[in-house]
Amino acid sequence: MQHGFNAYASAARTSQAVVSPRELEASLLLKAAVRLQSIADDWTLAERDLEDALGYNRKLWTLLVSAVVAEDNPLPVGIKTNILGLANFIFNQTFKIAAAPRPDSLGVLVSINRDIAAGLRGR
């Protein structure tokens, strides 16, 4: 799985000039969702991949939060507040999953990532 992630990261770096920041964010959120969903679908992967997938998702959301709180971010305060609240929920849920892993607990993270990605893509 790490090989696929490395290939994706390489492709994202080389194509950033033609991909909008919103599209890149959407793609990364979907990548995290796919990783989490694959573990939920085949729980035998959990022992090997769950920690990495949760870590990837947490790092991604940490970067999104950093972008949202940046002084030059033009988003309205209400949207920033909503994103920060959602990120807080995601971080809390991630820690709960890490403490008591269950395949059905990953669904909420998968759904949030997919929904935010769809919104970024205007769907």
N, C-alpha and C. Protein backbone atom coordinates (compact mmCIF):
# COMPACT_ATOMS: atom_id res chain seq x y z
N MET A 1 0.83 -1.19 0.00
CA MET A 1 0.00 0.00 0.00
C MET A 1 0.87 1.25 0.00
N GLN A 2 2.00 1.22 0.70
CA GLN A 2 2.88 2.38 0.76
C GLN A 2 3.39 2.73 -0.64
N HIS A 3 3.65 1.72 -1.47
CA HIS A 3 4.11 1.98 -2.83
C HIS A 3 3.10 2.82 -3.59
N GLY A 4 1.83 2.48 -3.49
CA GLY A 4 0.78 3.24 -4.15
C GLY A 4 0.71 4.66 -3.64
N PHE A 5 0.87 4.83 -2.33
CA PHE A 5 0.85 6.17 -1.74
C PHE A 5 2.00 7.00 -2.27
N ASN A 6 3.19 6.40 -2.35
CA ASN A 6 4.35 7.12 -2.88
C ASN A 6 4.13 7.54 -4.33
N ALA A 7 3.55 6.67 -5.12
CA ALA A 7 3.27 7.01 -6.52
C ALA A 7 2.27 8.15 -6.60
N TYR A 8 1.25 8.11 -5.74
CA TYR A 8 0.26 9.19 -5.73
C TYR A 8 0.92 10.51 -5.34
N ALA A 9 1.73 10.48 -4.29
CA ALA A 9 2.38 11.70 -3.82
C ALA A 9 3.28 12.28 -4.90
N SER A 10 3.99 11.42 -5.61
CA SER A 10 4.86 11.88 -6.70
C SER A 10 4.04 12.51 -7.81
N ALA A 11 2.96 11.88 -8.18
CA ALA A 11 2.09 12.42 -9.23
C ALA A 11 1.48 13.75 -8.81
N ALA A 12 1.10 13.85 -7.54
CA ALA A 12 0.52 15.10 -7.05
C ALA A 12 1.54 16.23 -7.12
N ARG A 13 2.79 15.94 -6.77
CA ARG A 13 3.83 16.98 -6.82
C ARG A 13 4.08 17.44 -8.25
N THR A 14 4.10 16.52 -9.20
CA THR A 14 4.41 16.90 -10.57
C THR A 14 3.23 17.56 -11.27
N SER A 15 2.03 17.34 -10.78
CA SER A 15 0.86 17.91 -11.46
C SER A 15 0.27 19.10 -10.75
N GLN A 16 0.89 19.58 -9.69
CA GLN A 16 0.34 20.70 -8.94
C GLN A 16 0.18 21.96 -9.79
N ALA A 17 1.02 22.14 -10.78
CA ALA A 17 0.94 23.33 -11.60
C ALA A 17 -0.37 23.39 -12.38
N VAL A 18 -0.96 22.27 -12.71
CA VAL A 18 -2.20 22.25 -13.48
C VAL A 18 -3.42 21.91 -12.64
N VAL A 19 -3.22 21.51 -11.39
CA VAL A 19 -4.33 21.15 -10.52
C VAL A 19 -4.57 22.29 -9.54
N SER A 20 -5.83 22.68 -9.42
CA SER A 20 -6.15 23.75 -8.48
C SER A 20 -5.95 23.27 -7.04
N PRO A 21 -5.72 24.18 -6.11
CA PRO A 21 -5.58 23.78 -4.71
C PRO A 21 -6.82 23.04 -4.21
N ARG A 22 -8.00 23.47 -4.62
CA ARG A 22 -9.23 22.79 -4.21
C ARG A 22 -9.27 21.35 -4.72
N GLU A 23 -8.85 21.15 -5.96
CA GLU A 23 -8.84 19.81 -6.53
C GLU A 23 -7.80 18.94 -5.83
N LEU A 24 -6.66 19.51 -5.51
CA LEU A 24 -5.63 18.76 -4.79
C LEU A 24 -6.14 18.35 -3.41
N GLU A 25 -6.77 19.28 -2.70
CA GLU A 25 -7.33 18.96 -1.39
C GLU A 25 -8.38 17.86 -1.51
N ALA A 26 -9.24 17.97 -2.51
CA ALA A 26 -10.27 16.94 -2.72
C ALA A 26 -9.63 15.59 -3.00
N SER A 27 -8.61 15.57 -3.83
CA SER A 27 -7.94 14.31 -4.16
C SER A 27 -7.28 13.68 -2.94
N LEU A 28 -6.67 14.50 -2.11
CA LEU A 28 -6.02 13.98 -0.91
C LEU A 28 -7.05 13.45 0.09
N LEU A 29 -8.17 14.14 0.23
CA LEU A 29 -9.24 13.66 1.10
C LEU A 29 -9.79 12.33 0.61
N LEU A 30 -9.96 12.22 -0.70
CA LEU A 30 -10.44 10.95 -1.26
C LEU A 30 -9.41 9.84 -1.09
N LYS A 31 -8.16 10.17 -1.21
CA LYS A 31 -7.10 9.18 -0.99
C LYS A 31 -7.18 8.64 0.43
N ALA A 32 -7.35 9.53 1.40
CA ALA A 32 -7.47 9.11 2.80
C ALA A 32 -8.73 8.26 2.98
N ALA A 33 -9.82 8.66 2.35
CA ALA A 33 -11.08 7.90 2.46
C ALA A 33 -10.93 6.50 1.89
N VAL A 34 -10.27 6.39 0.75
CA VAL A 34 -10.06 5.08 0.12
C VAL A 34 -9.22 4.18 1.02
N ARG A 35 -8.19 4.73 1.61
CA ARG A 35 -7.33 3.92 2.50
C ARG A 35 -8.13 3.41 3.69
N LEU A 36 -8.91 4.29 4.30
CA LEU A 36 -9.71 3.89 5.45
C LEU A 36 -10.80 2.89 5.06
N GLN A 37 -11.44 3.13 3.92
CA GLN A 37 -12.50 2.23 3.47
C GLN A 37 -11.96 0.85 3.15
N SER A 38 -10.77 0.78 2.57
CA SER A 38 -10.20 -0.54 2.25
C SER A 38 -9.93 -1.34 3.52
N ILE A 39 -9.55 -0.67 4.58
CA ILE A 39 -9.33 -1.36 5.85
C ILE A 39 -10.67 -1.80 6.44
N ALA A 40 -11.67 -0.93 6.38
CA ALA A 40 -13.00 -1.30 6.90
C ALA A 40 -13.57 -2.48 6.13
N ASP A 41 -13.32 -2.53 4.83
CA ASP A 41 -13.83 -3.61 3.99
C ASP A 41 -13.09 -4.93 4.21
N ASP A 42 -11.82 -4.85 4.55
CA ASP A 42 -11.01 -6.05 4.80
C ASP A 42 -10.24 -5.84 6.10
N TRP A 43 -10.90 -6.16 7.21
CA TRP A 43 -10.37 -5.87 8.53
C TRP A 43 -9.04 -6.59 8.80
N THR A 44 -8.70 -7.59 7.99
CA THR A 44 -7.40 -8.25 8.17
C THR A 44 -6.26 -7.28 7.88
N LEU A 45 -6.53 -6.19 7.17
CA LEU A 45 -5.51 -5.17 6.90
C LEU A 45 -5.27 -4.26 8.10
N ALA A 46 -6.19 -4.27 9.06
CA ALA A 46 -6.13 -3.31 10.17
C ALA A 46 -4.83 -3.39 10.95
N GLU A 47 -4.41 -4.58 11.27
CA GLU A 47 -3.20 -4.72 12.08
C GLU A 47 -2.00 -4.08 11.38
N ARG A 48 -1.95 -4.21 10.07
CA ARG A 48 -0.81 -3.70 9.31
C ARG A 48 -0.97 -2.24 8.90
N ASP A 49 -2.19 -1.82 8.53
CA ASP A 49 -2.36 -0.53 7.87
C ASP A 49 -3.16 0.52 8.63
N LEU A 50 -3.88 0.14 9.67
CA LEU A 50 -4.78 1.09 10.33
C LEU A 50 -4.04 2.29 10.91
N GLU A 51 -2.98 2.05 11.62
CA GLU A 51 -2.24 3.15 12.24
C GLU A 51 -1.75 4.15 11.19
N ASP A 52 -1.21 3.64 10.09
CA ASP A 52 -0.73 4.52 9.02
C ASP A 52 -1.86 5.31 8.37
N ALA A 53 -2.99 4.63 8.12
CA ALA A 53 -4.12 5.30 7.49
C ALA A 53 -4.70 6.38 8.39
N LEU A 54 -4.83 6.09 9.68
CA LEU A 54 -5.31 7.10 10.62
C LEU A 54 -4.33 8.26 10.72
N GLY A 55 -3.04 7.94 10.74
CA GLY A 55 -2.01 8.98 10.80
C GLY A 55 -2.03 9.87 9.57
N TYR A 56 -2.20 9.26 8.41
CA TYR A 56 -2.29 10.04 7.17
C TYR A 56 -3.48 10.99 7.22
N ASN A 57 -4.62 10.47 7.64
CA ASN A 57 -5.83 11.30 7.71
C ASN A 57 -5.65 12.43 8.71
N ARG A 58 -5.06 12.12 9.86
CA ARG A 58 -4.83 13.15 10.89
C ARG A 58 -3.89 14.23 10.37
N LYS A 59 -2.81 13.84 9.71
CA LYS A 59 -1.87 14.82 9.16
C LYS A 59 -2.53 15.68 8.10
N LEU A 60 -3.34 15.06 7.26
CA LEU A 60 -4.06 15.80 6.22
C LEU A 60 -4.96 16.85 6.86
N TRP A 61 -5.73 16.45 7.86
CA TRP A 61 -6.63 17.40 8.52
C TRP A 61 -5.85 18.46 9.30
N THR A 62 -4.68 18.13 9.81
CA THR A 62 -3.84 19.13 10.47
C THR A 62 -3.40 20.19 9.46
N LEU A 63 -3.05 19.75 8.26
CA LEU A 63 -2.67 20.71 7.21
C LEU A 63 -3.87 21.57 6.80
N LEU A 64 -5.04 20.96 6.69
CA LEU A 64 -6.23 21.73 6.34
C LEU A 64 -6.52 22.78 7.40
N VAL A 65 -6.40 22.41 8.67
CA VAL A 65 -6.62 23.36 9.77
C VAL A 65 -5.59 24.49 9.69
N SER A 66 -4.35 24.15 9.43
CA SER A 66 -3.31 25.18 9.30
C SER A 66 -3.65 26.18 8.21
N ALA A 67 -4.17 25.69 7.10
CA ALA A 67 -4.55 26.58 6.00
C ALA A 67 -5.75 27.44 6.38
N VAL A 68 -6.68 26.87 7.12
CA VAL A 68 -7.89 27.61 7.50
C VAL A 68 -7.57 28.73 8.48
N VAL A 69 -6.66 28.50 9.41
CA VAL A 69 -6.37 29.52 10.42
C VAL A 69 -5.32 30.53 9.97
N ALA A 70 -4.76 30.34 8.79
CA ALA A 70 -3.78 31.30 8.28
C ALA A 70 -4.42 32.68 8.14
N GLU A 71 -3.68 33.70 8.51
CA GLU A 71 -4.21 35.06 8.48
C GLU A 71 -4.69 35.49 7.10
N ASP A 72 -4.06 34.99 6.06
CA ASP A 72 -4.42 35.40 4.71
C ASP A 72 -5.53 34.55 4.09
N ASN A 73 -6.12 33.64 4.87
CA ASN A 73 -7.21 32.81 4.35
C ASN A 73 -8.47 33.65 4.22
N PRO A 74 -9.04 33.72 3.00
CA PRO A 74 -10.18 34.60 2.76
C PRO A 74 -11.55 34.02 3.15
N LEU A 75 -11.59 32.79 3.65
CA LEU A 75 -12.88 32.20 4.01
C LEU A 75 -13.58 33.03 5.09
N PRO A 76 -14.90 33.08 5.03
CA PRO A 76 -15.65 33.76 6.09
C PRO A 76 -15.44 33.05 7.44
N VAL A 77 -15.55 33.82 8.51
CA VAL A 77 -15.32 33.29 9.85
C VAL A 77 -16.23 32.10 10.14
N GLY A 78 -17.48 32.15 9.72
CA GLY A 78 -18.41 31.06 9.97
C GLY A 78 -17.96 29.75 9.36
N ILE A 79 -17.45 29.80 8.15
CA ILE A 79 -16.95 28.58 7.48
C ILE A 79 -15.70 28.09 8.19
N LYS A 80 -14.82 29.01 8.56
CA LYS A 80 -13.61 28.61 9.29
C LYS A 80 -13.99 27.91 10.60
N THR A 81 -14.95 28.46 11.30
CA THR A 81 -15.39 27.88 12.56
C THR A 81 -15.96 26.48 12.34
N ASN A 82 -16.75 26.30 11.30
CA ASN A 82 -17.31 24.99 10.99
C ASN A 82 -16.22 23.97 10.67
N ILE A 83 -15.24 24.37 9.89
CA ILE A 83 -14.15 23.47 9.53
C ILE A 83 -13.34 23.10 10.76
N LEU A 84 -13.08 24.06 11.63
CA LEU A 84 -12.33 23.77 12.85
C LEU A 84 -13.11 22.82 13.76
N GLY A 85 -14.41 23.00 13.85
CA GLY A 85 -15.23 22.08 14.64
C GLY A 85 -15.23 20.68 14.06
N LEU A 86 -15.31 20.59 12.76
CA LEU A 86 -15.27 19.30 12.09
C LEU A 86 -13.91 18.63 12.29
N ALA A 87 -12.84 19.41 12.19
CA ALA A 87 -11.50 18.86 12.41
C ALA A 87 -11.36 18.35 13.84
N ASN A 88 -11.90 19.09 14.79
CA ASN A 88 -11.85 18.66 16.19
C ASN A 88 -12.57 17.31 16.35
N PHE A 89 -13.73 17.18 15.72
CA PHE A 89 -14.46 15.91 15.76
C PHE A 89 -13.61 14.79 15.15
N ILE A 90 -12.98 15.06 14.02
CA ILE A 90 -12.17 14.06 13.33
C ILE A 90 -11.00 13.63 14.21
N PHE A 91 -10.33 14.59 14.84
CA PHE A 91 -9.21 14.24 15.71
C PHE A 91 -9.68 13.38 16.89
N ASN A 92 -10.79 13.76 17.50
CA ASN A 92 -11.33 12.97 18.62
C ASN A 92 -11.72 11.57 18.17
N GLN A 93 -12.39 11.48 17.03
CA GLN A 93 -12.81 10.19 16.50
C GLN A 93 -11.60 9.31 16.18
N THR A 94 -10.56 9.92 15.65
CA THR A 94 -9.34 9.19 15.32
C THR A 94 -8.72 8.57 16.56
N PHE A 95 -8.67 9.34 17.64
CA PHE A 95 -8.10 8.81 18.88
C PHE A 95 -8.97 7.70 19.45
N LYS A 96 -10.29 7.84 19.34
CA LYS A 96 -11.19 6.78 19.81
C LYS A 96 -10.99 5.50 19.02
N ILE A 97 -10.84 5.64 17.70
CA ILE A 97 -10.64 4.46 16.85
C ILE A 97 -9.31 3.79 17.18
N ALA A 98 -8.27 4.60 17.39
CA ALA A 98 -6.96 4.04 17.72
C ALA A 98 -7.01 3.29 19.04
N ALA A 99 -7.80 3.79 19.99
CA ALA A 99 -7.89 3.15 21.31
C ALA A 99 -8.73 1.88 21.28
N ALA A 100 -9.76 1.86 20.44
CA ALA A 100 -10.66 0.70 20.37
C ALA A 100 -11.04 0.46 18.91
N PRO A 101 -10.13 -0.10 18.11
CA PRO A 101 -10.38 -0.27 16.68
C PRO A 101 -11.54 -1.21 16.37
N ARG A 102 -12.42 -0.75 15.49
CA ARG A 102 -13.53 -1.55 14.98
C ARG A 102 -13.77 -1.11 13.54
N PRO A 103 -14.06 -2.03 12.64
CA PRO A 103 -14.25 -1.65 11.23
C PRO A 103 -15.40 -0.67 11.03
N ASP A 104 -16.48 -0.81 11.79
CA ASP A 104 -17.62 0.08 11.60
C ASP A 104 -17.35 1.50 12.09
N SER A 105 -16.30 1.71 12.87
CA SER A 105 -15.99 3.05 13.36
C SER A 105 -15.32 3.93 12.31
N LEU A 106 -14.82 3.33 11.25
CA LEU A 106 -14.13 4.09 10.21
C LEU A 106 -15.09 4.81 9.27
N GLY A 107 -16.33 4.36 9.22
CA GLY A 107 -17.29 4.92 8.28
C GLY A 107 -17.49 6.41 8.38
N VAL A 108 -17.50 6.94 9.59
CA VAL A 108 -17.73 8.37 9.76
C VAL A 108 -16.58 9.18 9.16
N LEU A 109 -15.35 8.72 9.33
CA LEU A 109 -14.20 9.43 8.75
C LEU A 109 -14.24 9.35 7.22
N VAL A 110 -14.59 8.19 6.71
CA VAL A 110 -14.71 8.01 5.26
C VAL A 110 -15.78 8.94 4.71
N SER A 111 -16.93 8.98 5.34
CA SER A 111 -18.03 9.82 4.87
C SER A 111 -17.69 11.30 4.88
N ILE A 112 -17.08 11.75 5.97
CA ILE A 112 -16.71 13.17 6.06
C ILE A 112 -15.72 13.53 4.97
N ASN A 113 -14.69 12.70 4.79
CA ASN A 113 -13.70 13.01 3.76
C ASN A 113 -14.34 13.04 2.37
N ARG A 114 -15.20 12.08 2.09
CA ARG A 114 -15.87 12.05 0.77
C ARG A 114 -16.78 13.25 0.58
N ASP A 115 -17.52 13.61 1.62
CA ASP A 115 -18.44 14.76 1.51
C ASP A 115 -17.69 16.07 1.33
N ILE A 116 -16.61 16.27 2.06
CA ILE A 116 -15.84 17.50 1.92
C ILE A 116 -15.19 17.53 0.54
N ALA A 117 -14.67 16.41 0.08
CA ALA A 117 -14.07 16.35 -1.27
C ALA A 117 -15.10 16.70 -2.33
N ALA A 118 -16.31 16.16 -2.19
CA ALA A 118 -17.37 16.47 -3.16
C ALA A 118 -17.69 17.96 -3.13
N GLY A 119 -17.74 18.54 -1.95
CA GLY A 119 -17.99 19.98 -1.85
C GLY A 119 -16.89 20.80 -2.49
N LEU A 120 -15.66 20.39 -2.31
CA LEU A 120 -14.54 21.11 -2.92
C LEU A 120 -14.59 21.02 -4.45
N ARG A 121 -15.13 19.91 -4.93
CA ARG A 121 -15.25 19.73 -6.38
C ARG A 121 -16.55 20.32 -6.92
N GLY A 122 -17.35 20.90 -6.05
CA GLY A 122 -18.58 21.55 -6.48
C GLY A 122 -19.72 20.59 -6.78
N ARG A 123 -19.72 19.42 -6.15
CA ARG A 123 -20.76 18.42 -6.39
C ARG A 123 -21.71 18.36 -5.24
